[in-house]
Amino acid sequence: MNTTWAPAEQPDSFAFDDESEAEIVNVLKKYPEERKASAVMPLLYVAQRQMGRVTGSAWIPLAAMDDIARRLEMAPIRVYEVASFYTMFNTKPIGRYHLQVCTTTPCWLRGSDAVTEACRKATGIHHFGETSADGLFTLTEVECLGACANAPILQVDDDYYEDMDGPRTEALIADLRAGRKPEAGPTNNRMCSAPEGGRKTLLETSASSSDQK
């Protein structure tokens, strides 16, 4: 079997811990027994989160995929196909923090090149797909993250940092390096996807019914 998408060095075994087992119980409740194979993606997430929690590198070894296949009564290749297709699943070890830069059109127009360069400068990484020498950061190029109104987006692990630019990216990475993880969301003080600087329309409050009489 060709597994070029997976590293040659793999752990000999994998076992879900108590925290993961509790998650799995809740996941499987959502699916009929005869359709439990539909739980493959949630279980891959459970395995990836456990690896991140236990080892500091959130990825999914083949032994975990094999265990998932056994639990869901699937052919292992079907689990491999899912894990290797979606970019949100890491099939190789990554750094402690996964820096995922969206470079599709809305983010590119809003400055994703500056975000990418700031990531490289702050981590010492030269190319997408690499991990920094200190093992803290892996830099990945991703497709649209679905938050175009707040472009450009830098996803760190499962969190979106929005309205990024070069200096804010460097500051974020400095915080992460120091063991601090800032609150996710817009980094320019706007509320969610509201216009930067506040409302631009409907600035006047409507007259009350009594004033209109």
C-alpha atoms as a PDB file:
ATOM      1  CA  MET A   1       0.000   0.000   0.000  1.00  0.00           C
ATOM      2  CA  ASN A   2       1.312   3.456  -0.933  1.00  0.00           C
ATOM      3  CA  THR A   3       1.229   5.733   2.116  1.00  0.00           C
ATOM      4  CA  THR A   4       3.432   8.605   0.952  1.00  0.00           C
ATOM      5  CA  TRP A   5       1.012  10.924   2.759  1.00  0.00           C
ATOM      6  CA  ALA A   6       2.043   9.322   6.080  1.00  0.00           C
ATOM      7  CA  PRO A   7       5.518   9.285   7.666  1.00  0.00           C
ATOM      8  CA  ALA A   8       7.528   6.079   7.684  1.00  0.00           C
ATOM      9  CA  GLU A   9       8.037   6.307  11.440  1.00  0.00           C
ATOM     10  CA  GLN A  10       4.801   5.487  13.193  1.00  0.00           C
ATOM     11  CA  PRO A  11       3.952   4.614  16.818  1.00  0.00           C
ATOM     12  CA  ASP A  12       3.567   0.871  17.319  1.00  0.00           C
ATOM     13  CA  SER A  13       0.173   1.290  18.947  1.00  0.00           C
ATOM     14  CA  PHE A  14      -2.507   3.799  19.827  1.00  0.00           C
ATOM     15  CA  ALA A  15      -5.187   3.704  22.509  1.00  0.00           C
ATOM     16  CA  PHE A  16      -7.880   6.279  23.151  1.00  0.00           C
ATOM     17  CA  ASP A  17      -7.647   7.659  26.681  1.00  0.00           C
ATOM     18  CA  ASP A  18     -10.567   8.141  29.071  1.00  0.00           C
ATOM     19  CA  GLU A  19     -11.293  11.689  27.891  1.00  0.00           C
ATOM     20  CA  SER A  20     -11.422  10.560  24.278  1.00  0.00           C
ATOM     21  CA  GLU A  21     -13.522   7.503  25.101  1.00  0.00           C
ATOM     22  CA  ALA A  22     -16.117   9.760  26.712  1.00  0.00           C
ATOM     23  CA  GLU A  23     -16.196  11.889  23.547  1.00  0.00           C
ATOM     24  CA  ILE A  24     -16.572   8.805  21.372  1.00  0.00           C
ATOM     25  CA  VAL A  25     -19.577   7.621  23.359  1.00  0.00           C
ATOM     26  CA  ASN A  26     -21.321  10.942  22.731  1.00  0.00           C
ATOM     27  CA  VAL A  27     -20.368  10.967  19.048  1.00  0.00           C
ATOM     28  CA  LEU A  28     -21.691   7.474  18.355  1.00  0.00           C
ATOM     29  CA  LYS A  29     -25.041   8.335  19.963  1.00  0.00           C
ATOM     30  CA  LYS A  30     -25.705  10.619  17.010  1.00  0.00           C
ATOM     31  CA  TYR A  31     -25.643   7.849  14.424  1.00  0.00           C
ATOM     32  CA  PRO A  32     -27.765   4.696  13.925  1.00  0.00           C
ATOM     33  CA  GLU A  33     -25.768   1.514  14.417  1.00  0.00           C
ATOM     34  CA  GLU A  34     -26.019   0.672  10.722  1.00  0.00           C
ATOM     35  CA  ARG A  35     -24.709   4.147   9.817  1.00  0.00           C
ATOM     36  CA  LYS A  36     -21.930   4.454  12.379  1.00  0.00           C
ATOM     37  CA  ALA A  37     -19.309   4.730   9.622  1.00  0.00           C
ATOM     38  CA  SER A  38     -20.568   8.310   9.252  1.00  0.00           C
ATOM     39  CA  ALA A  39     -18.748   9.055  12.519  1.00  0.00           C
ATOM     40  CA  VAL A  40     -15.351   8.658  10.871  1.00  0.00           C
ATOM     41  CA  MET A  41     -14.605  12.391  10.706  1.00  0.00           C
ATOM     42  CA  PRO A  42     -15.570  13.154  14.334  1.00  0.00           C
ATOM     43  CA  LEU A  43     -13.465  10.209  15.527  1.00  0.00           C
ATOM     44  CA  LEU A  44     -10.491  11.369  13.492  1.00  0.00           C
ATOM     45  CA  TYR A  45     -10.822  14.726  15.249  1.00  0.00           C
ATOM     46  CA  VAL A  46     -10.908  12.972  18.620  1.00  0.00           C
ATOM     47  CA  ALA A  47      -7.708  11.097  17.790  1.00  0.00           C
ATOM     48  CA  GLN A  48      -5.980  14.240  16.529  1.00  0.00           C
ATOM     49  CA  ARG A  49      -6.936  16.250  19.609  1.00  0.00           C
ATOM     50  CA  GLN A  50      -5.685  13.479  21.886  1.00  0.00           C
ATOM     51  CA  MET A  51      -2.321  13.389  20.128  1.00  0.00           C
ATOM     52  CA  GLY A  52      -2.072  17.154  20.518  1.00  0.00           C
ATOM     53  CA  ARG A  53      -3.043  16.953  24.187  1.00  0.00           C
ATOM     54  CA  VAL A  54      -0.707  14.081  25.025  1.00  0.00           C
ATOM     55  CA  THR A  55       2.290  14.626  22.754  1.00  0.00           C
ATOM     56  CA  GLY A  56       2.078  18.308  21.809  1.00  0.00           C
ATOM     57  CA  SER A  57       1.732  17.390  18.129  1.00  0.00           C
ATOM     58  CA  ALA A  58      -1.836  17.154  16.834  1.00  0.00           C
ATOM     59  CA  TRP A  59      -1.687  14.489  14.150  1.00  0.00           C
ATOM     60  CA  ILE A  60      -3.272  11.090  13.421  1.00  0.00           C
ATOM     61  CA  PRO A  61      -1.012   8.026  13.255  1.00  0.00           C
ATOM     62  CA  LEU A  62      -1.962   4.974  11.223  1.00  0.00           C
ATOM     63  CA  ALA A  63      -2.555   2.980  14.408  1.00  0.00           C
ATOM     64  CA  ALA A  64      -5.295   5.440  15.387  1.00  0.00           C
ATOM     65  CA  MET A  65      -6.887   5.178  11.949  1.00  0.00           C
ATOM     66  CA  ASP A  66      -6.830   1.395  12.204  1.00  0.00           C
ATOM     67  CA  ASP A  67      -8.536   1.545  15.601  1.00  0.00           C
ATOM     68  CA  ILE A  68     -11.200   3.854  14.191  1.00  0.00           C
ATOM     69  CA  ALA A  69     -11.757   1.458  11.285  1.00  0.00           C
ATOM     70  CA  ARG A  70     -12.209  -1.417  13.716  1.00  0.00           C
ATOM     71  CA  ARG A  71     -14.678   0.495  15.892  1.00  0.00           C
ATOM     72  CA  LEU A  72     -16.735   1.645  12.929  1.00  0.00           C
ATOM     73  CA  GLU A  73     -16.466  -1.671  11.091  1.00  0.00           C
ATOM     74  CA  MET A  74     -14.906  -0.026   8.055  1.00  0.00           C
ATOM     75  CA  ALA A  75     -12.063  -1.090   5.815  1.00  0.00           C
ATOM     76  CA  PRO A  76      -8.940   0.764   7.018  1.00  0.00           C
ATOM     77  CA  ILE A  77      -8.391   2.180   3.522  1.00  0.00           C
ATOM     78  CA  ARG A  78     -11.702   4.054   3.816  1.00  0.00           C
ATOM     79  CA  VAL A  79     -10.434   5.808   6.924  1.00  0.00           C
ATOM     80  CA  TYR A  80      -7.095   6.547   5.244  1.00  0.00           C
ATOM     81  CA  GLU A  81      -8.951   8.096   2.302  1.00  0.00           C
ATOM     82  CA  VAL A  82     -10.820  10.517   4.537  1.00  0.00           C
ATOM     83  CA  ALA A  83      -7.797  11.442   6.661  1.00  0.00           C
ATOM     84  CA  SER A  84      -5.568  12.084   3.654  1.00  0.00           C
ATOM     85  CA  PHE A  85      -8.172  14.048   1.675  1.00  0.00           C
ATOM     86  CA  TYR A  86      -9.132  16.793   4.123  1.00  0.00           C
ATOM     87  CA  THR A  87      -6.517  19.368   5.073  1.00  0.00           C
ATOM     88  CA  MET A  88      -7.908  19.724   8.591  1.00  0.00           C
ATOM     89  CA  PHE A  89      -6.508  16.291   9.411  1.00  0.00           C
ATOM     90  CA  ASN A  90      -2.764  16.074   9.925  1.00  0.00           C
ATOM     91  CA  THR A  91      -1.302  12.742   8.867  1.00  0.00           C
ATOM     92  CA  LYS A  92       2.232  13.744   9.840  1.00  0.00           C
ATOM     93  CA  PRO A  93       3.607  15.243  13.078  1.00  0.00           C
ATOM     94  CA  ILE A  94       3.304  19.018  13.289  1.00  0.00           C
ATOM     95  CA  GLY A  95       4.551  21.723  15.632  1.00  0.00           C
ATOM     96  CA  ARG A  96       2.914  22.719  18.870  1.00  0.00           C
ATOM     97  CA  TYR A  97       1.047  25.489  17.020  1.00  0.00           C
ATOM     98  CA  HIS A  98      -0.346  24.963  13.524  1.00  0.00           C
ATOM     99  CA  LEU A  99      -0.272  28.237  11.562  1.00  0.00           C
ATOM    100  CA  GLN A 100      -2.705  27.967   8.650  1.00  0.00           C
ATOM    101  CA  VAL A 101      -2.699  30.911   6.258  1.00  0.00           C
ATOM    102  CA  CYS A 102      -5.593  31.384   3.858  1.00  0.00           C
ATOM    103  CA  THR A 103      -4.230  32.690   0.544  1.00  0.00           C
ATOM    104  CA  THR A 104      -7.348  32.538  -1.636  1.00  0.00           C
ATOM    105  CA  THR A 105      -8.610  35.669  -3.368  1.00  0.00           C
ATOM    106  CA  PRO A 106     -10.375  37.639  -0.566  1.00  0.00           C
ATOM    107  CA  CYS A 107      -7.524  37.075   1.895  1.00  0.00           C
ATOM    108  CA  TRP A 108      -4.893  37.721  -0.774  1.00  0.00           C
ATOM    109  CA  LEU A 109      -6.524  41.028  -1.739  1.00  0.00           C
ATOM    110  CA  ARG A 110      -6.571  42.018   1.925  1.00  0.00           C
ATOM    111  CA  GLY A 111      -2.911  41.206   2.597  1.00  0.00           C
ATOM    112  CA  SER A 112      -2.353  37.490   3.160  1.00  0.00           C
ATOM    113  CA  ASP A 113       1.099  37.842   1.580  1.00  0.00           C
ATOM    114  CA  ALA A 114       2.109  40.080   4.490  1.00  0.00           C
ATOM    115  CA  VAL A 115       0.711  37.536   6.964  1.00  0.00           C
ATOM    116  CA  THR A 116       2.695  34.754   5.288  1.00  0.00           C
ATOM    117  CA  GLU A 117       5.916  36.747   5.333  1.00  0.00           C
ATOM    118  CA  ALA A 118       5.394  37.662   8.992  1.00  0.00           C
ATOM    119  CA  CYS A 119       4.924  33.977   9.825  1.00  0.00           C
ATOM    120  CA  ARG A 120       8.158  33.114   8.040  1.00  0.00           C
ATOM    121  CA  LYS A 121      10.056  35.950   9.675  1.00  0.00           C
ATOM    122  CA  ALA A 122       8.838  35.176  13.195  1.00  0.00           C
ATOM    123  CA  THR A 123       9.312  31.399  12.990  1.00  0.00           C
ATOM    124  CA  GLY A 124      12.292  30.938  10.697  1.00  0.00           C
ATOM    125  CA  ILE A 125      10.217  28.740   8.381  1.00  0.00           C
ATOM    126  CA  HIS A 126      11.030  29.158   4.681  1.00  0.00           C
ATOM    127  CA  HIS A 127       8.300  27.198   2.933  1.00  0.00           C
ATOM    128  CA  PHE A 128       4.757  26.000   3.500  1.00  0.00           C
ATOM    129  CA  GLY A 129       4.644  22.551   5.021  1.00  0.00           C
ATOM    130  CA  GLU A 130       7.732  23.060   7.164  1.00  0.00           C
ATOM    131  CA  THR A 131       8.073  23.016  10.943  1.00  0.00           C
ATOM    132  CA  SER A 132      10.284  25.524  12.765  1.00  0.00           C
ATOM    133  CA  ALA A 133      13.628  24.360  14.138  1.00  0.00           C
ATOM    134  CA  ASP A 134      12.353  24.673  17.710  1.00  0.00           C
ATOM    135  CA  GLY A 135       9.377  22.435  16.920  1.00  0.00           C
ATOM    136  CA  LEU A 136       6.846  25.054  17.992  1.00  0.00           C
ATOM    137  CA  PHE A 137       5.297  26.026  14.662  1.00  0.00           C
ATOM    138  CA  THR A 138       4.177  24.386  11.425  1.00  0.00           C
ATOM    139  CA  LEU A 139       3.163  26.668   8.549  1.00  0.00           C
ATOM    140  CA  THR A 140       0.480  25.493   6.098  1.00  0.00           C
ATOM    141  CA  GLU A 141      -1.244  27.158   3.148  1.00  0.00           C
ATOM    142  CA  VAL A 142      -4.991  26.504   3.185  1.00  0.00           C
ATOM    143  CA  GLU A 143      -7.943  27.219   0.949  1.00  0.00           C
ATOM    144  CA  CYS A 144     -10.868  29.480   1.866  1.00  0.00           C
ATOM    145  CA  LEU A 145     -11.708  29.317   5.572  1.00  0.00           C
ATOM    146  CA  GLY A 146     -15.149  30.839   5.085  1.00  0.00           C
ATOM    147  CA  ALA A 147     -14.507  34.070   6.980  1.00  0.00           C
ATOM    148  CA  CYS A 148     -13.932  36.346   3.989  1.00  0.00           C
ATOM    149  CA  ALA A 149     -15.586  39.387   5.602  1.00  0.00           C
ATOM    150  CA  ASN A 150     -12.761  39.386   8.143  1.00  0.00           C
ATOM    151  CA  ALA A 151      -9.902  38.692   5.736  1.00  0.00           C
ATOM    152  CA  PRO A 152      -7.047  38.016   5.947  1.00  0.00           C
ATOM    153  CA  ILE A 153      -7.374  35.008   8.248  1.00  0.00           C
ATOM    154  CA  LEU A 154      -4.669  33.140  10.147  1.00  0.00           C
ATOM    155  CA  GLN A 155      -6.005  29.954  11.697  1.00  0.00           C
ATOM    156  CA  VAL A 156      -4.003  28.715  14.694  1.00  0.00           C
ATOM    157  CA  ASP A 157      -4.959  25.151  15.546  1.00  0.00           C
ATOM    158  CA  ASP A 158      -8.783  25.422  15.617  1.00  0.00           C
ATOM    159  CA  ASP A 159      -8.983  29.185  16.255  1.00  0.00           C
ATOM    160  CA  TYR A 160      -9.457  31.988  13.709  1.00  0.00           C
ATOM    161  CA  TYR A 161      -7.444  35.185  14.074  1.00  0.00           C
ATOM    162  CA  GLU A 162      -9.067  37.729  11.771  1.00  0.00           C
ATOM    163  CA  ASP A 163      -8.223  41.072  10.136  1.00  0.00           C
ATOM    164  CA  MET A 164      -4.548  40.203  10.382  1.00  0.00           C
ATOM    165  CA  ASP A 165      -1.570  42.140   9.061  1.00  0.00           C
ATOM    166  CA  GLY A 166       2.186  41.717   9.336  1.00  0.00           C
ATOM    167  CA  PRO A 167       2.768  43.384  12.732  1.00  0.00           C
ATOM    168  CA  ARG A 168      -0.261  41.742  14.358  1.00  0.00           C
ATOM    169  CA  THR A 169       0.877  38.369  13.045  1.00  0.00           C
ATOM    170  CA  GLU A 170       4.348  38.819  14.529  1.00  0.00           C
ATOM    171  CA  ALA A 171       2.832  39.906  17.860  1.00  0.00           C
ATOM    172  CA  LEU A 172       0.553  36.847  17.903  1.00  0.00           C
ATOM    173  CA  ILE A 173       3.437  34.480  17.256  1.00  0.00           C
ATOM    174  CA  ALA A 174       5.478  36.178  19.993  1.00  0.00           C
ATOM    175  CA  ASP A 175       2.614  35.553  22.421  1.00  0.00           C
ATOM    176  CA  LEU A 176       2.357  31.915  21.369  1.00  0.00           C
ATOM    177  CA  ARG A 177       6.095  31.465  21.775  1.00  0.00           C
ATOM    178  CA  ALA A 178       5.776  32.828  25.313  1.00  0.00           C
ATOM    179  CA  GLY A 179       3.003  30.352  26.123  1.00  0.00           C
ATOM    180  CA  ARG A 180       0.169  32.850  25.820  1.00  0.00           C
ATOM    181  CA  LYS A 181      -2.728  32.287  23.417  1.00  0.00           C
ATOM    182  CA  PRO A 182      -4.656  35.528  22.788  1.00  0.00           C
ATOM    183  CA  GLU A 183      -8.408  35.484  22.379  1.00  0.00           C
ATOM    184  CA  ALA A 184      -9.415  34.502  18.866  1.00  0.00           C
ATOM    185  CA  GLY A 185     -11.492  36.698  16.561  1.00  0.00           C
ATOM    186  CA  PRO A 186     -10.955  40.133  14.999  1.00  0.00           C
ATOM    187  CA  THR A 187      -7.611  41.727  15.871  1.00  0.00           C
ATOM    188  CA  ASN A 188      -8.613  45.290  14.979  1.00  0.00           C
ATOM    189  CA  ASN A 189     -11.168  45.819  17.760  1.00  0.00           C
ATOM    190  CA  ARG A 190     -14.220  45.493  15.562  1.00  0.00           C
ATOM    191  CA  MET A 191     -17.154  43.404  16.738  1.00  0.00           C
ATOM    192  CA  CYS A 192     -17.477  40.129  14.818  1.00  0.00           C
ATOM    193  CA  SER A 193     -17.983  41.085  11.160  1.00  0.00           C
ATOM    194  CA  ALA A 194     -19.255  44.606  11.815  1.00  0.00           C
ATOM    195  CA  PRO A 195     -17.589  47.427   9.831  1.00  0.00           C
ATOM    196  CA  GLU A 196     -14.245  48.559  11.191  1.00  0.00           C
ATOM    197  CA  GLY A 197     -14.754  51.749  13.184  1.00  0.00           C
ATOM    198  CA  GLY A 198     -18.439  51.140  13.812  1.00  0.00           C
ATOM    199  CA  ARG A 199     -21.658  51.385  11.828  1.00  0.00           C
ATOM    200  CA  LYS A 200     -21.613  53.052   8.418  1.00  0.00           C
ATOM    201  CA  THR A 201     -25.361  53.150   7.771  1.00  0.00           C
ATOM    202  CA  LEU A 202     -28.560  53.712   9.797  1.00  0.00           C
ATOM    203  CA  LEU A 203     -26.687  56.125  12.031  1.00  0.00           C
ATOM    204  CA  GLU A 204     -29.777  58.048  13.082  1.00  0.00           C
ATOM    205  CA  THR A 205     -32.233  56.503  15.510  1.00  0.00           C
ATOM    206  CA  SER A 206     -35.782  56.340  14.187  1.00  0.00           C
ATOM    207  CA  ALA A 207     -38.346  58.707  15.706  1.00  0.00           C
ATOM    208  CA  SER A 208     -40.710  57.170  18.211  1.00  0.00           C
ATOM    209  CA  SER A 209     -44.366  56.768  17.297  1.00  0.00           C
ATOM    210  CA  SER A 210     -45.294  59.596  19.680  1.00  0.00           C
ATOM    211  CA  ASP A 211     -42.891  61.969  17.895  1.00  0.00           C
ATOM    212  CA  GLN A 212     -44.440  61.140  14.561  1.00  0.00           C
ATOM    213  CA  LYS A 213     -47.948  62.149  15.649  1.00  0.00           C
END
